[in-house]
N, C-alpha and C. Protein backbone atom coordinates (compact mmCIF):
# COMPACT_ATOMS: atom_id res chain seq x y z
N MET A 1 0.85 -1.17 0.00
CA MET A 1 0.00 0.00 0.00
C MET A 1 0.89 1.24 0.00
N ASN A 2 0.61 2.17 -0.89
CA ASN A 2 1.38 3.40 -0.93
C ASN A 2 0.59 4.53 -0.25
N LYS A 3 1.17 5.73 -0.25
CA LYS A 3 0.56 6.86 0.45
C LYS A 3 -0.84 7.17 -0.09
N ALA A 4 -1.00 7.20 -1.41
CA ALA A 4 -2.28 7.53 -2.01
C ALA A 4 -3.36 6.50 -1.63
N GLU A 5 -2.98 5.22 -1.65
CA GLU A 5 -3.93 4.17 -1.28
C GLU A 5 -4.29 4.25 0.20
N LEU A 6 -3.30 4.58 1.04
CA LEU A 6 -3.56 4.72 2.47
C LEU A 6 -4.51 5.88 2.73
N ILE A 7 -4.28 7.01 2.09
CA ILE A 7 -5.16 8.17 2.26
C ILE A 7 -6.56 7.86 1.77
N ALA A 8 -6.68 7.16 0.64
CA ALA A 8 -8.00 6.79 0.12
C ALA A 8 -8.73 5.88 1.11
N SER A 9 -8.02 4.93 1.70
CA SER A 9 -8.63 4.01 2.66
C SER A 9 -9.09 4.75 3.92
N ILE A 10 -8.23 5.63 4.45
CA ILE A 10 -8.60 6.40 5.64
C ILE A 10 -9.79 7.29 5.34
N SER A 11 -9.78 7.94 4.19
CA SER A 11 -10.87 8.82 3.78
C SER A 11 -12.19 8.07 3.71
N GLU A 12 -12.16 6.88 3.15
CA GLU A 12 -13.37 6.07 3.01
C GLU A 12 -13.87 5.59 4.38
N GLN A 13 -12.96 5.11 5.23
CA GLN A 13 -13.37 4.59 6.54
C GLN A 13 -13.88 5.69 7.46
N ALA A 14 -13.28 6.88 7.38
CA ALA A 14 -13.68 7.98 8.25
C ALA A 14 -14.79 8.83 7.64
N ASP A 15 -15.12 8.56 6.37
CA ASP A 15 -16.16 9.29 5.65
C ASP A 15 -15.86 10.80 5.63
N ILE A 16 -14.62 11.13 5.25
CA ILE A 16 -14.23 12.53 5.10
C ILE A 16 -13.54 12.69 3.74
N PRO A 17 -13.56 13.90 3.19
CA PRO A 17 -12.95 14.11 1.87
C PRO A 17 -11.45 13.81 1.85
N LYS A 18 -10.97 13.40 0.68
CA LYS A 18 -9.55 13.06 0.54
C LYS A 18 -8.65 14.27 0.79
N THR A 19 -9.10 15.46 0.43
CA THR A 19 -8.27 16.65 0.63
C THR A 19 -8.01 16.89 2.11
N ILE A 20 -9.02 16.72 2.92
CA ILE A 20 -8.86 16.90 4.37
C ILE A 20 -8.00 15.77 4.94
N THR A 21 -8.23 14.56 4.47
CA THR A 21 -7.44 13.42 4.92
C THR A 21 -5.96 13.62 4.57
N THR A 22 -5.70 14.12 3.38
CA THR A 22 -4.32 14.36 2.95
C THR A 22 -3.65 15.40 3.84
N LYS A 23 -4.35 16.49 4.14
CA LYS A 23 -3.79 17.53 5.01
C LYS A 23 -3.50 16.97 6.40
N ALA A 24 -4.42 16.18 6.94
CA ALA A 24 -4.24 15.60 8.27
C ALA A 24 -3.08 14.61 8.27
N PHE A 25 -2.98 13.80 7.24
CA PHE A 25 -1.90 12.81 7.15
C PHE A 25 -0.55 13.50 7.04
N ASP A 26 -0.46 14.52 6.18
CA ASP A 26 0.79 15.27 6.04
C ASP A 26 1.18 15.95 7.35
N ALA A 27 0.19 16.49 8.07
CA ALA A 27 0.46 17.12 9.37
C ALA A 27 0.98 16.09 10.37
N LEU A 28 0.42 14.89 10.36
CA LEU A 28 0.88 13.81 11.24
C LEU A 28 2.34 13.48 10.97
N ILE A 29 2.69 13.30 9.70
CA ILE A 29 4.06 12.96 9.32
C ILE A 29 5.02 14.10 9.71
N LYS A 30 4.63 15.35 9.46
CA LYS A 30 5.48 16.49 9.82
C LYS A 30 5.69 16.57 11.33
N THR A 31 4.63 16.32 12.10
CA THR A 31 4.72 16.39 13.55
C THR A 31 5.63 15.29 14.10
N ILE A 32 5.46 14.07 13.61
CA ILE A 32 6.31 12.97 14.06
C ILE A 32 7.77 13.26 13.70
N THR A 33 8.02 13.75 12.50
CA THR A 33 9.38 14.07 12.06
C THR A 33 9.99 15.16 12.93
N ALA A 34 9.22 16.21 13.23
CA ALA A 34 9.73 17.31 14.05
C ALA A 34 10.07 16.83 15.46
N GLU A 35 9.24 15.99 16.03
CA GLU A 35 9.51 15.47 17.37
C GLU A 35 10.75 14.58 17.39
N LEU A 36 10.93 13.76 16.36
CA LEU A 36 12.11 12.92 16.29
C LEU A 36 13.37 13.78 16.11
N LYS A 37 13.29 14.83 15.28
CA LYS A 37 14.42 15.73 15.10
C LYS A 37 14.80 16.41 16.41
N ALA A 38 13.80 16.68 17.25
CA ALA A 38 14.05 17.33 18.55
C ALA A 38 14.57 16.33 19.58
N GLY A 39 14.63 15.05 19.20
CA GLY A 39 15.15 14.04 20.11
C GLY A 39 14.11 13.39 21.01
N HIS A 40 12.84 13.60 20.72
CA HIS A 40 11.76 13.03 21.52
C HIS A 40 11.21 11.77 20.88
N ASP A 41 10.68 10.88 21.69
CA ASP A 41 9.96 9.71 21.19
C ASP A 41 8.51 10.08 20.95
N VAL A 42 7.86 9.37 20.02
CA VAL A 42 6.44 9.55 19.76
C VAL A 42 5.77 8.21 20.01
N THR A 43 4.90 8.15 21.02
CA THR A 43 4.24 6.90 21.39
C THR A 43 2.76 6.97 21.03
N LEU A 44 2.31 6.03 20.23
CA LEU A 44 0.90 5.87 19.90
C LEU A 44 0.46 4.59 20.59
N VAL A 45 -0.22 4.74 21.71
CA VAL A 45 -0.58 3.60 22.55
C VAL A 45 -1.35 2.57 21.72
N GLY A 46 -0.90 1.33 21.80
CA GLY A 46 -1.52 0.23 21.08
C GLY A 46 -0.92 0.02 19.70
N PHE A 47 -0.31 1.06 19.14
CA PHE A 47 0.29 0.94 17.81
C PHE A 47 1.79 0.75 17.89
N GLY A 48 2.48 1.69 18.58
CA GLY A 48 3.92 1.55 18.72
C GLY A 48 4.59 2.86 19.06
N THR A 49 5.92 2.81 19.12
CA THR A 49 6.71 3.98 19.49
C THR A 49 7.76 4.25 18.43
N PHE A 50 7.79 5.49 17.95
CA PHE A 50 8.82 5.95 17.04
C PHE A 50 9.92 6.57 17.89
N SER A 51 11.17 6.28 17.58
CA SER A 51 12.27 6.83 18.37
C SER A 51 13.47 7.06 17.46
N VAL A 52 14.48 7.75 18.01
CA VAL A 52 15.73 7.99 17.29
C VAL A 52 16.80 7.10 17.88
N LYS A 53 17.49 6.39 17.03
CA LYS A 53 18.57 5.51 17.47
C LYS A 53 19.89 6.07 16.96
N GLU A 54 20.91 5.95 17.77
CA GLU A 54 22.25 6.43 17.42
C GLU A 54 23.07 5.26 16.88
N ARG A 55 23.72 5.49 15.75
CA ARG A 55 24.63 4.48 15.22
C ARG A 55 26.04 5.06 15.32
N ALA A 56 26.93 4.36 15.96
CA ALA A 56 28.29 4.83 16.19
C ALA A 56 29.09 4.86 14.89
N ALA A 57 30.11 5.68 14.88
CA ALA A 57 31.03 5.72 13.74
C ALA A 57 31.77 4.38 13.67
N ARG A 58 32.13 3.98 12.47
CA ARG A 58 32.81 2.70 12.32
C ARG A 58 33.67 2.72 11.07
N THR A 59 34.45 1.70 10.92
CA THR A 59 35.31 1.57 9.75
C THR A 59 34.74 0.50 8.84
N GLY A 60 34.63 0.83 7.56
CA GLY A 60 34.14 -0.13 6.58
C GLY A 60 35.18 -0.36 5.50
N ARG A 61 34.85 -1.18 4.54
CA ARG A 61 35.78 -1.45 3.44
C ARG A 61 35.07 -1.22 2.11
N HIS A 62 35.80 -0.63 1.20
CA HIS A 62 35.29 -0.45 -0.15
C HIS A 62 35.24 -1.84 -0.80
N PRO A 63 34.10 -2.27 -1.31
CA PRO A 63 33.98 -3.64 -1.81
C PRO A 63 34.88 -3.96 -3.01
N ARG A 64 35.18 -2.96 -3.84
CA ARG A 64 35.98 -3.24 -5.03
C ARG A 64 37.48 -3.20 -4.73
N THR A 65 37.92 -2.19 -3.97
CA THR A 65 39.35 -2.01 -3.75
C THR A 65 39.84 -2.58 -2.43
N GLY A 66 38.95 -2.79 -1.49
CA GLY A 66 39.35 -3.27 -0.17
C GLY A 66 39.89 -2.17 0.73
N GLU A 67 39.89 -0.95 0.21
CA GLU A 67 40.38 0.20 0.98
C GLU A 67 39.47 0.47 2.18
N GLU A 68 40.06 0.80 3.32
CA GLU A 68 39.28 1.12 4.52
C GLU A 68 38.66 2.50 4.38
N LEU A 69 37.41 2.62 4.83
CA LEU A 69 36.68 3.88 4.78
C LEU A 69 36.16 4.21 6.17
N ALA A 70 36.13 5.49 6.50
CA ALA A 70 35.54 5.92 7.77
C ALA A 70 34.07 6.21 7.52
N ILE A 71 33.21 5.51 8.24
CA ILE A 71 31.76 5.72 8.13
C ILE A 71 31.34 6.54 9.35
N ALA A 72 30.75 7.69 9.10
CA ALA A 72 30.39 8.63 10.17
C ALA A 72 29.25 8.09 11.02
N ALA A 73 29.16 8.60 12.25
CA ALA A 73 28.04 8.27 13.13
C ALA A 73 26.76 8.83 12.50
N ALA A 74 25.64 8.23 12.82
CA ALA A 74 24.37 8.67 12.23
C ALA A 74 23.23 8.45 13.21
N LYS A 75 22.18 9.24 13.03
CA LYS A 75 20.94 9.05 13.76
C LYS A 75 19.95 8.38 12.81
N LEU A 76 19.28 7.35 13.29
CA LEU A 76 18.34 6.60 12.48
C LEU A 76 16.98 6.53 13.16
N PRO A 77 15.90 6.57 12.38
CA PRO A 77 14.59 6.39 12.98
C PRO A 77 14.37 4.93 13.35
N GLY A 78 13.68 4.72 14.45
CA GLY A 78 13.36 3.36 14.87
C GLY A 78 11.89 3.25 15.19
N PHE A 79 11.37 2.06 15.14
CA PHE A 79 9.96 1.82 15.48
C PHE A 79 9.87 0.53 16.27
N LYS A 80 9.18 0.60 17.40
CA LYS A 80 8.93 -0.58 18.21
C LYS A 80 7.42 -0.78 18.26
N PRO A 81 6.92 -1.87 17.70
CA PRO A 81 5.47 -2.09 17.68
C PRO A 81 4.90 -2.29 19.08
N GLY A 82 3.67 -1.83 19.27
CA GLY A 82 2.98 -2.00 20.53
C GLY A 82 2.33 -3.37 20.64
N LYS A 83 1.87 -3.69 21.82
CA LYS A 83 1.29 -5.01 22.08
C LYS A 83 0.04 -5.26 21.22
N ALA A 84 -0.81 -4.26 21.10
CA ALA A 84 -2.05 -4.44 20.33
C ALA A 84 -1.74 -4.73 18.85
N LEU A 85 -0.74 -4.06 18.30
CA LEU A 85 -0.35 -4.31 16.91
C LEU A 85 0.24 -5.71 16.76
N LYS A 86 1.08 -6.12 17.69
CA LYS A 86 1.65 -7.47 17.64
C LYS A 86 0.55 -8.52 17.73
N ASP A 87 -0.40 -8.30 18.66
CA ASP A 87 -1.49 -9.26 18.84
C ASP A 87 -2.37 -9.34 17.59
N ALA A 88 -2.57 -8.21 16.92
CA ALA A 88 -3.41 -8.20 15.72
C ALA A 88 -2.77 -8.99 14.58
N LEU A 89 -1.45 -9.04 14.57
CA LEU A 89 -0.76 -9.76 13.50
C LEU A 89 -0.61 -11.24 13.77
N ASN A 90 -0.72 -11.65 15.03
CA ASN A 90 -0.50 -13.06 15.37
C ASN A 90 -1.76 -13.76 15.72
């Protein structure tokens, strides 16, 4: 399912126009992104928790030449599913 299909499904289930659904969905994504950038977790009870994970700097190798490369530290988004979501899938 892509973004357009998800918005269409939400719009149909909530019985609201797609334009309003699109604005609300975009606002949700922007809000979650802003909170993660600020270093905060976003918890949706029953669904899961979005968080920022730190990946340490490390040394890698160029696959063709074998030369060592320095890979910088990075922040990555993480998601931990909630109990209700896990139960729904199993």
